[in-house]
N, C-alpha and C. Protein backbone atom coordinates (compact mmCIF):
# COMPACT_ATOMS: atom_id res chain seq x y z
N MET A 1 0.85 -1.18 0.00
CA MET A 1 0.00 0.00 0.00
C MET A 1 0.89 1.24 0.00
N ALA A 2 0.59 2.17 -0.89
CA ALA A 2 1.37 3.41 -0.98
C ALA A 2 1.07 4.30 0.22
N GLN A 3 2.12 4.93 0.72
CA GLN A 3 1.95 5.83 1.84
C GLN A 3 1.39 7.15 1.35
N GLN A 4 0.35 7.63 2.02
CA GLN A 4 -0.23 8.91 1.65
C GLN A 4 0.51 10.03 2.35
N GLY A 5 0.60 11.17 1.67
CA GLY A 5 1.27 12.33 2.24
C GLY A 5 0.39 13.06 3.24
N THR A 6 0.98 14.03 3.84
CA THR A 6 0.29 14.87 4.81
C THR A 6 -0.67 15.80 4.07
N ALA A 7 -1.81 16.06 4.67
CA ALA A 7 -2.77 16.99 4.07
C ALA A 7 -2.35 18.43 4.38
N ILE A 8 -2.65 19.32 3.46
CA ILE A 8 -2.44 20.75 3.67
C ILE A 8 -3.81 21.41 3.71
N LYS A 9 -4.07 22.22 4.73
CA LYS A 9 -5.32 22.97 4.83
C LYS A 9 -5.12 24.32 4.15
N ILE A 10 -5.90 24.56 3.08
CA ILE A 10 -5.78 25.77 2.29
C ILE A 10 -7.12 26.50 2.27
N LEU A 11 -7.06 27.81 2.46
CA LEU A 11 -8.25 28.65 2.40
C LEU A 11 -8.01 29.78 1.41
N SER A 12 -8.97 30.03 0.54
CA SER A 12 -8.93 31.20 -0.34
C SER A 12 -9.98 32.17 0.21
N TRP A 13 -9.57 33.45 0.45
CA TRP A 13 -10.44 34.36 1.18
C TRP A 13 -10.31 35.78 0.66
N ASN A 14 -11.40 36.34 0.17
CA ASN A 14 -11.44 37.76 -0.17
C ASN A 14 -11.74 38.49 1.13
N VAL A 15 -10.71 39.13 1.69
CA VAL A 15 -10.83 39.77 2.99
C VAL A 15 -11.37 41.19 2.90
N ARG A 16 -11.48 41.73 1.69
CA ARG A 16 -12.03 43.07 1.45
C ARG A 16 -11.35 44.14 2.30
N GLY A 17 -10.05 44.04 2.38
CA GLY A 17 -9.26 45.06 3.06
C GLY A 17 -8.77 44.64 4.43
N LEU A 18 -7.49 44.91 4.68
CA LEU A 18 -6.89 44.61 5.99
C LEU A 18 -6.32 45.88 6.62
N GLY A 19 -6.95 47.02 6.34
CA GLY A 19 -6.46 48.29 6.87
C GLY A 19 -6.69 48.44 8.37
N SER A 20 -7.73 47.84 8.86
CA SER A 20 -8.08 47.97 10.28
C SER A 20 -7.33 46.93 11.12
N LYS A 21 -6.76 47.39 12.21
CA LYS A 21 -6.07 46.48 13.14
C LYS A 21 -7.05 45.44 13.69
N ILE A 22 -8.28 45.86 13.94
CA ILE A 22 -9.30 44.94 14.45
C ILE A 22 -9.58 43.85 13.43
N LYS A 23 -9.73 44.23 12.16
CA LYS A 23 -9.99 43.23 11.12
C LYS A 23 -8.82 42.28 10.96
N ARG A 24 -7.58 42.80 11.02
CA ARG A 24 -6.42 41.92 10.93
C ARG A 24 -6.42 40.92 12.09
N GLY A 25 -6.84 41.37 13.27
CA GLY A 25 -6.92 40.47 14.43
C GLY A 25 -7.96 39.38 14.23
N ILE A 26 -9.10 39.75 13.66
CA ILE A 26 -10.16 38.77 13.40
C ILE A 26 -9.67 37.74 12.39
N VAL A 27 -9.01 38.20 11.34
CA VAL A 27 -8.48 37.29 10.32
C VAL A 27 -7.44 36.37 10.95
N SER A 28 -6.54 36.91 11.76
CA SER A 28 -5.51 36.11 12.43
C SER A 28 -6.13 35.04 13.33
N GLN A 29 -7.12 35.43 14.11
CA GLN A 29 -7.78 34.48 15.01
C GLN A 29 -8.44 33.35 14.22
N PHE A 30 -9.11 33.69 13.13
CA PHE A 30 -9.78 32.68 12.31
C PHE A 30 -8.76 31.69 11.75
N ILE A 31 -7.66 32.21 11.23
CA ILE A 31 -6.62 31.37 10.64
C ILE A 31 -6.04 30.41 11.67
N LYS A 32 -5.73 30.93 12.86
CA LYS A 32 -5.16 30.08 13.92
C LYS A 32 -6.19 29.07 14.43
N ARG A 33 -7.44 29.50 14.61
CA ARG A 33 -8.48 28.62 15.14
C ARG A 33 -8.70 27.42 14.22
N HIS A 34 -8.60 27.64 12.92
CA HIS A 34 -8.82 26.56 11.97
C HIS A 34 -7.53 25.87 11.54
N ASP A 35 -6.42 26.27 12.16
CA ASP A 35 -5.12 25.63 11.94
C ASP A 35 -4.79 25.50 10.46
N LEU A 36 -4.92 26.61 9.74
CA LEU A 36 -4.70 26.61 8.30
C LEU A 36 -3.21 26.64 7.98
N ASP A 37 -2.84 26.03 6.86
CA ASP A 37 -1.45 25.98 6.44
C ASP A 37 -1.11 27.04 5.40
N LEU A 38 -1.99 27.22 4.43
CA LEU A 38 -1.81 28.23 3.39
C LEU A 38 -3.10 29.02 3.26
N ILE A 39 -2.97 30.34 3.17
CA ILE A 39 -4.13 31.20 3.02
C ILE A 39 -3.90 32.08 1.80
N LEU A 40 -4.80 31.97 0.83
CA LEU A 40 -4.74 32.77 -0.39
C LEU A 40 -5.67 33.96 -0.17
N LEU A 41 -5.09 35.14 -0.06
CA LEU A 41 -5.86 36.35 0.26
C LEU A 41 -6.10 37.18 -0.99
N GLN A 42 -7.29 37.76 -1.07
CA GLN A 42 -7.61 38.69 -2.14
C GLN A 42 -8.12 40.00 -1.52
N GLU A 43 -7.94 41.08 -2.26
CA GLU A 43 -8.33 42.43 -1.84
C GLU A 43 -7.73 42.79 -0.47
N THR A 44 -6.43 42.67 -0.37
CA THR A 44 -5.76 43.02 0.89
C THR A 44 -5.77 44.53 1.14
N HIS A 45 -5.78 45.33 0.09
CA HIS A 45 -5.78 46.80 0.18
C HIS A 45 -4.57 47.31 0.96
N ARG A 46 -3.49 46.57 0.97
CA ARG A 46 -2.31 46.95 1.75
C ARG A 46 -1.04 46.60 1.02
N LYS A 47 0.03 47.24 1.46
CA LYS A 47 1.38 46.88 1.02
C LYS A 47 1.91 45.82 1.99
N GLY A 48 3.07 45.25 1.70
CA GLY A 48 3.61 44.13 2.45
C GLY A 48 3.89 44.37 3.92
N THR A 49 4.18 45.61 4.34
CA THR A 49 4.59 45.84 5.72
C THR A 49 3.49 45.55 6.74
N VAL A 50 2.23 45.62 6.34
CA VAL A 50 1.14 45.38 7.27
C VAL A 50 1.12 43.93 7.75
N PHE A 51 1.80 43.05 7.03
CA PHE A 51 1.76 41.64 7.36
C PHE A 51 2.81 41.22 8.38
N GLN A 52 3.60 42.17 8.87
CA GLN A 52 4.60 41.85 9.89
C GLN A 52 3.94 41.30 11.15
N ALA A 53 2.75 41.77 11.49
CA ALA A 53 2.04 41.26 12.67
C ALA A 53 1.71 39.78 12.52
N MET A 54 1.43 39.34 11.30
CA MET A 54 1.14 37.92 11.07
C MET A 54 2.37 37.08 11.36
N ASP A 55 3.54 37.64 11.10
CA ASP A 55 4.79 36.93 11.32
C ASP A 55 4.94 36.54 12.79
N ARG A 56 4.50 37.42 13.66
CA ARG A 56 4.59 37.14 15.10
C ARG A 56 3.56 36.10 15.54
N LYS A 57 2.58 35.84 14.70
CA LYS A 57 1.52 34.90 15.05
C LYS A 57 1.70 33.55 14.38
N GLY A 58 2.88 33.28 13.85
CA GLY A 58 3.18 31.97 13.29
C GLY A 58 2.98 31.83 11.80
N TYR A 59 2.71 32.94 11.12
CA TYR A 59 2.50 32.91 9.67
C TYR A 59 3.42 33.93 9.03
N ARG A 60 3.76 33.68 7.78
CA ARG A 60 4.56 34.66 7.04
C ARG A 60 3.97 34.83 5.65
N MET A 61 4.06 36.06 5.15
CA MET A 61 3.60 36.36 3.79
C MET A 61 4.72 35.92 2.86
N VAL A 62 4.46 34.91 2.03
CA VAL A 62 5.49 34.39 1.14
C VAL A 62 5.39 34.96 -0.26
N ALA A 63 4.25 35.54 -0.60
CA ALA A 63 4.09 36.19 -1.91
C ALA A 63 2.99 37.24 -1.75
N HIS A 64 3.28 38.46 -2.16
CA HIS A 64 2.27 39.51 -2.08
C HIS A 64 2.45 40.49 -3.23
N ALA A 65 1.36 40.72 -3.96
CA ALA A 65 1.35 41.73 -5.02
C ALA A 65 0.50 42.88 -4.53
N GLY A 66 1.11 44.04 -4.34
CA GLY A 66 0.42 45.20 -3.79
C GLY A 66 -0.69 45.70 -4.69
N TYR A 67 -1.52 46.51 -4.11
CA TYR A 67 -2.72 46.97 -4.81
C TYR A 67 -2.46 48.20 -5.67
N THR A 68 -3.39 48.41 -6.61
CA THR A 68 -3.46 49.64 -7.40
C THR A 68 -4.92 50.09 -7.34
N THR A 69 -5.24 51.13 -8.05
CA THR A 69 -6.63 51.57 -8.04
C THR A 69 -7.55 50.59 -8.75
N ASP A 70 -7.02 49.79 -9.66
CA ASP A 70 -7.84 48.82 -10.40
C ASP A 70 -7.87 47.44 -9.75
N ALA A 71 -6.81 47.05 -9.09
CA ALA A 71 -6.71 45.72 -8.52
C ALA A 71 -6.22 45.86 -7.10
N ARG A 72 -6.89 45.28 -6.19
CA ARG A 72 -6.68 45.60 -4.79
C ARG A 72 -5.74 44.73 -3.97
N GLY A 73 -4.87 43.98 -4.59
CA GLY A 73 -3.84 43.27 -3.85
C GLY A 73 -4.20 41.85 -3.47
N VAL A 74 -3.22 40.96 -3.62
CA VAL A 74 -3.38 39.55 -3.30
C VAL A 74 -2.13 39.05 -2.59
N GLY A 75 -2.29 37.97 -1.84
CA GLY A 75 -1.13 37.42 -1.17
C GLY A 75 -1.33 35.96 -0.81
N ILE A 76 -0.22 35.35 -0.41
CA ILE A 76 -0.23 33.97 0.05
C ILE A 76 0.49 33.93 1.39
N LEU A 77 -0.24 33.55 2.44
CA LEU A 77 0.32 33.37 3.77
C LEU A 77 0.66 31.90 3.97
N GLN A 78 1.79 31.64 4.62
CA GLN A 78 2.20 30.27 4.91
C GLN A 78 2.42 30.11 6.40
N LYS A 79 1.89 29.04 6.95
CA LYS A 79 2.17 28.69 8.34
C LYS A 79 3.65 28.37 8.44
N LYS A 80 4.34 28.94 9.42
CA LYS A 80 5.79 28.78 9.51
C LYS A 80 6.22 27.33 9.68
N THR A 81 5.37 26.51 10.28
CA THR A 81 5.75 25.11 10.50
C THR A 81 5.46 24.21 9.30
N LEU A 82 4.82 24.75 8.26
CA LEU A 82 4.58 23.97 7.05
C LEU A 82 5.90 23.79 6.31
N PRO A 83 6.32 22.54 6.05
CA PRO A 83 7.61 22.31 5.39
C PRO A 83 7.55 22.53 3.88
N LEU A 84 7.13 23.71 3.49
CA LEU A 84 7.09 24.10 2.08
C LEU A 84 8.29 25.00 1.83
N ILE A 85 9.12 24.61 0.90
CA ILE A 85 10.31 25.40 0.56
C ILE A 85 9.97 26.20 -0.69
N VAL A 86 9.83 27.51 -0.51
CA VAL A 86 9.48 28.39 -1.63
C VAL A 86 10.72 28.58 -2.50
N GLN A 87 10.57 28.26 -3.79
CA GLN A 87 11.69 28.37 -4.72
C GLN A 87 11.59 29.60 -5.61
N ALA A 88 10.36 30.03 -5.91
CA ALA A 88 10.18 31.20 -6.77
C ALA A 88 8.82 31.83 -6.50
N THR A 89 8.75 33.14 -6.66
CA THR A 89 7.47 33.84 -6.58
C THR A 89 7.25 34.59 -7.88
N HIS A 90 6.00 34.78 -8.22
CA HIS A 90 5.60 35.48 -9.43
C HIS A 90 4.53 36.48 -9.03
N LEU A 91 4.85 37.78 -9.11
CA LEU A 91 3.95 38.81 -8.64
C LEU A 91 3.50 39.71 -9.78
N ASP A 92 2.22 39.95 -9.85
CA ASP A 92 1.67 40.83 -10.87
C ASP A 92 1.85 42.28 -10.43
N SER A 93 2.38 43.11 -11.31
CA SER A 93 2.61 44.52 -10.98
C SER A 93 1.31 45.28 -10.78
N LEU A 94 0.19 44.71 -11.24
CA LEU A 94 -1.11 45.36 -11.06
C LEU A 94 -1.87 44.79 -9.86
N GLY A 95 -1.24 43.92 -9.09
CA GLY A 95 -1.86 43.39 -7.88
C GLY A 95 -2.99 42.42 -8.11
N ARG A 96 -3.04 41.77 -9.28
CA ARG A 96 -4.14 40.86 -9.57
C ARG A 96 -3.84 39.42 -9.22
N TYR A 97 -2.56 39.04 -9.17
CA TYR A 97 -2.22 37.68 -8.77
C TYR A 97 -0.84 37.64 -8.11
N ALA A 98 -0.71 36.66 -7.24
CA ALA A 98 0.58 36.33 -6.62
C ALA A 98 0.67 34.81 -6.69
N ALA A 99 1.83 34.33 -7.11
CA ALA A 99 2.01 32.89 -7.27
C ALA A 99 3.34 32.48 -6.67
N LEU A 100 3.42 31.23 -6.28
CA LEU A 100 4.69 30.69 -5.82
C LEU A 100 4.86 29.29 -6.33
N THR A 101 6.11 28.91 -6.48
CA THR A 101 6.49 27.53 -6.79
C THR A 101 7.36 27.07 -5.65
N GLY A 102 7.07 25.88 -5.14
CA GLY A 102 7.86 25.37 -4.03
C GLY A 102 7.93 23.86 -4.04
N GLN A 103 8.69 23.34 -3.08
CA GLN A 103 8.83 21.90 -2.88
C GLN A 103 8.14 21.53 -1.58
N TRP A 104 7.32 20.49 -1.65
CA TRP A 104 6.64 19.99 -0.46
C TRP A 104 6.57 18.48 -0.58
N GLU A 105 7.13 17.81 0.39
CA GLU A 105 7.18 16.34 0.41
C GLU A 105 7.69 15.77 -0.91
N GLY A 106 8.72 16.40 -1.47
CA GLY A 106 9.34 15.92 -2.69
C GLY A 106 8.56 16.20 -3.96
N LYS A 107 7.49 16.97 -3.84
CA LYS A 107 6.66 17.30 -4.99
C LYS A 107 6.76 18.79 -5.30
N VAL A 108 6.61 19.12 -6.58
CA VAL A 108 6.53 20.53 -6.99
C VAL A 108 5.11 21.00 -6.74
N LEU A 109 4.98 22.12 -6.05
CA LEU A 109 3.68 22.69 -5.72
C LEU A 109 3.63 24.12 -6.23
N ASN A 110 2.65 24.43 -7.08
CA ASN A 110 2.42 25.78 -7.59
C ASN A 110 1.14 26.30 -6.96
N ILE A 111 1.22 27.45 -6.30
CA ILE A 111 0.06 28.05 -5.62
C ILE A 111 -0.18 29.42 -6.25
N VAL A 112 -1.44 29.71 -6.58
CA VAL A 112 -1.77 31.00 -7.20
C VAL A 112 -2.98 31.60 -6.49
N SER A 113 -2.86 32.85 -6.07
CA SER A 113 -3.98 33.61 -5.51
C SER A 113 -4.34 34.70 -6.52
N VAL A 114 -5.63 34.76 -6.90
CA VAL A 114 -6.06 35.64 -7.98
C VAL A 114 -7.19 36.56 -7.51
N TYR A 115 -7.11 37.82 -7.91
CA TYR A 115 -8.24 38.74 -7.76
C TYR A 115 -8.48 39.39 -9.11
N SER A 116 -9.66 39.14 -9.68
CA SER A 116 -10.01 39.73 -10.96
C SER A 116 -10.97 40.87 -10.71
N PRO A 117 -10.50 42.10 -10.88
CA PRO A 117 -11.40 43.24 -10.70
C PRO A 117 -12.57 43.14 -11.67
N PRO A 118 -13.74 43.59 -11.26
CA PRO A 118 -14.89 43.53 -12.17
C PRO A 118 -14.57 44.19 -13.52
N ARG A 119 -15.02 43.56 -14.58
CA ARG A 119 -14.91 44.06 -15.95
C ARG A 119 -13.49 44.11 -16.50
N LEU A 120 -12.51 43.55 -15.83
CA LEU A 120 -11.14 43.55 -16.35
C LEU A 120 -10.63 42.12 -16.55
N HIS A 121 -11.49 41.22 -16.97
CA HIS A 121 -11.14 39.80 -17.03
C HIS A 121 -10.18 39.46 -18.16
N GLU A 122 -10.42 39.98 -19.34
CA GLU A 122 -9.62 39.55 -20.50
C GLU A 122 -8.13 39.81 -20.33
N PRO A 123 -7.70 41.02 -19.93
CA PRO A 123 -6.25 41.22 -19.75
C PRO A 123 -5.67 40.30 -18.66
N LEU A 124 -6.42 40.11 -17.57
CA LEU A 124 -5.94 39.23 -16.50
C LEU A 124 -5.82 37.81 -17.00
N LEU A 125 -6.83 37.31 -17.70
CA LEU A 125 -6.80 35.92 -18.16
C LEU A 125 -5.63 35.68 -19.11
N LYS A 126 -5.32 36.65 -19.96
CA LYS A 126 -4.16 36.50 -20.85
C LYS A 126 -2.87 36.44 -20.03
N ASP A 127 -2.70 37.36 -19.08
CA ASP A 127 -1.49 37.38 -18.25
C ASP A 127 -1.38 36.12 -17.39
N LEU A 128 -2.50 35.71 -16.82
CA LEU A 128 -2.50 34.52 -15.97
C LEU A 128 -2.22 33.27 -16.79
N GLY A 129 -2.78 33.20 -17.98
CA GLY A 129 -2.50 32.07 -18.87
C GLY A 129 -1.02 31.98 -19.22
N SER A 130 -0.41 33.13 -19.51
CA SER A 130 1.03 33.16 -19.80
C SER A 130 1.84 32.68 -18.60
N LEU A 131 1.46 33.13 -17.41
CA LEU A 131 2.16 32.69 -16.19
C LEU A 131 2.04 31.18 -16.01
N LEU A 132 0.83 30.66 -16.12
CA LEU A 132 0.62 29.22 -15.89
C LEU A 132 1.44 28.37 -16.85
N LEU A 133 1.65 28.85 -18.06
CA LEU A 133 2.45 28.09 -19.02
C LEU A 133 3.93 28.05 -18.64
N THR A 134 4.38 28.99 -17.81
CA THR A 134 5.79 29.02 -17.41
C THR A 134 6.06 28.24 -16.12
N LEU A 135 5.01 27.88 -15.39
CA LEU A 135 5.22 27.17 -14.12
C LEU A 135 5.70 25.75 -14.37
N PRO A 136 6.55 25.24 -13.50
CA PRO A 136 7.03 23.87 -13.69
C PRO A 136 5.90 22.86 -13.49
N GLU A 137 6.07 21.70 -14.10
CA GLU A 137 5.07 20.64 -13.96
C GLU A 137 4.99 20.22 -12.51
N GLY A 138 3.78 20.07 -12.02
CA GLY A 138 3.57 19.68 -10.64
C GLY A 138 2.11 19.89 -10.26
N ILE A 139 1.86 19.98 -8.98
CA ILE A 139 0.51 20.20 -8.47
C ILE A 139 0.21 21.69 -8.57
N LEU A 140 -0.98 22.03 -9.04
CA LEU A 140 -1.41 23.43 -9.15
C LEU A 140 -2.63 23.64 -8.27
N VAL A 141 -2.54 24.63 -7.38
CA VAL A 141 -3.68 25.04 -6.57
C VAL A 141 -3.90 26.51 -6.87
N ALA A 142 -5.08 26.84 -7.38
CA ALA A 142 -5.41 28.23 -7.69
C ALA A 142 -6.72 28.57 -7.00
N GLY A 143 -6.72 29.67 -6.29
CA GLY A 143 -7.93 30.13 -5.62
C GLY A 143 -8.05 31.62 -5.80
N GLY A 144 -9.25 32.12 -5.63
CA GLY A 144 -9.38 33.55 -5.75
C GLY A 144 -10.80 34.02 -5.91
N ASP A 145 -10.90 35.31 -6.13
CA ASP A 145 -12.16 35.98 -6.40
C ASP A 145 -12.10 36.41 -7.86
N TYR A 146 -12.84 35.71 -8.69
CA TYR A 146 -12.76 35.93 -10.13
C TYR A 146 -13.81 36.94 -10.62
N ASN A 147 -14.76 37.32 -9.78
CA ASN A 147 -15.79 38.29 -10.15
C ASN A 147 -16.44 37.96 -11.49
N MET A 148 -16.67 36.69 -11.72
CA MET A 148 -17.35 36.28 -12.94
C MET A 148 -18.14 35.01 -12.67
N THR A 149 -19.12 34.78 -13.49
CA THR A 149 -19.95 33.59 -13.39
C THR A 149 -19.95 32.88 -14.74
N LEU A 150 -20.45 31.67 -14.76
CA LEU A 150 -20.52 30.92 -16.02
C LEU A 150 -21.51 31.55 -16.99
N SER A 151 -22.56 32.13 -16.45
CA SER A 151 -23.53 32.83 -17.32
C SER A 151 -24.14 33.98 -16.52
N ALA A 152 -24.76 34.91 -17.23
CA ALA A 152 -25.40 36.05 -16.57
C ALA A 152 -26.51 35.60 -15.64
N LYS A 153 -27.09 34.44 -15.88
CA LYS A 153 -28.16 33.94 -15.02
C LYS A 153 -27.66 33.58 -13.62
N ASP A 154 -26.34 33.38 -13.46
CA ASP A 154 -25.79 32.96 -12.18
C ASP A 154 -25.51 34.12 -11.22
N ARG A 155 -25.91 35.30 -11.56
CA ARG A 155 -25.61 36.47 -10.73
C ARG A 155 -26.69 36.69 -9.67
N TRP A 156 -26.25 37.12 -8.50
CA TRP A 156 -27.17 37.48 -7.43
C TRP A 156 -27.76 38.84 -7.73
N ARG A 157 -28.99 39.03 -7.36
CA ARG A 157 -29.66 40.33 -7.47
C ARG A 157 -29.94 40.84 -6.06
N VAL A 158 -29.76 42.12 -5.86
CA VAL A 158 -29.97 42.70 -4.54
C VAL A 158 -31.07 43.74 -4.63
N LEU A 159 -32.03 43.67 -3.74
CA LEU A 159 -33.10 44.66 -3.64
C LEU A 159 -33.34 44.88 -2.16
N GLY A 160 -32.97 46.06 -1.67
CA GLY A 160 -33.09 46.31 -0.24
C GLY A 160 -32.22 45.34 0.52
N ASN A 161 -32.81 44.65 1.50
CA ASN A 161 -32.07 43.65 2.28
C ASN A 161 -32.26 42.24 1.73
N SER A 162 -32.96 42.11 0.60
CA SER A 162 -33.24 40.79 0.05
C SER A 162 -32.22 40.47 -1.05
N ARG A 163 -31.84 39.20 -1.12
CA ARG A 163 -30.96 38.72 -2.19
C ARG A 163 -31.60 37.47 -2.78
N TRP A 164 -31.46 37.32 -4.07
CA TRP A 164 -31.92 36.10 -4.70
C TRP A 164 -31.03 35.80 -5.88
N LEU A 165 -31.03 34.56 -6.26
CA LEU A 165 -30.22 34.07 -7.37
C LEU A 165 -31.11 33.91 -8.59
N ASN A 166 -30.69 34.47 -9.72
CA ASN A 166 -31.42 34.27 -10.97
C ASN A 166 -31.22 32.85 -11.43
N LEU A 167 -32.27 32.13 -11.65
CA LEU A 167 -32.19 30.74 -12.15
C LEU A 167 -32.94 30.63 -13.46
């Protein structure tokens, strides 16, 4: 019987901004409570220095693409005890994706966190496609907020406090 590897707990989360110290604390508590190994963040609304507090809590930002007015920043947090050796990072200058390639249990692991600003899908998809073609062969984990649906019928409608799904 083949030995199975260790599981990695991964969460992809649009945090909609980490400017508030209180919000960063809530995010930190959630991550620790659920004992997550990798967290793919979208819409961080921050530059890399804000993540120093996470470092003291057992996590480190291993890839972060800062925000612009069109794309609000993405990152990948790694639990310090996770034996993932980061070999390369790939950061989008427009803050739409952050990716890393690393070694974990003798396997190549490619992780990508994506934020697609509304109505800017085509340029992102071209850039992301080009990036994916350059990544080494291995396991690919991609998470994010793509701000798109398979069809227009899949969009939520909001009226007052009510929400419904078009079917």
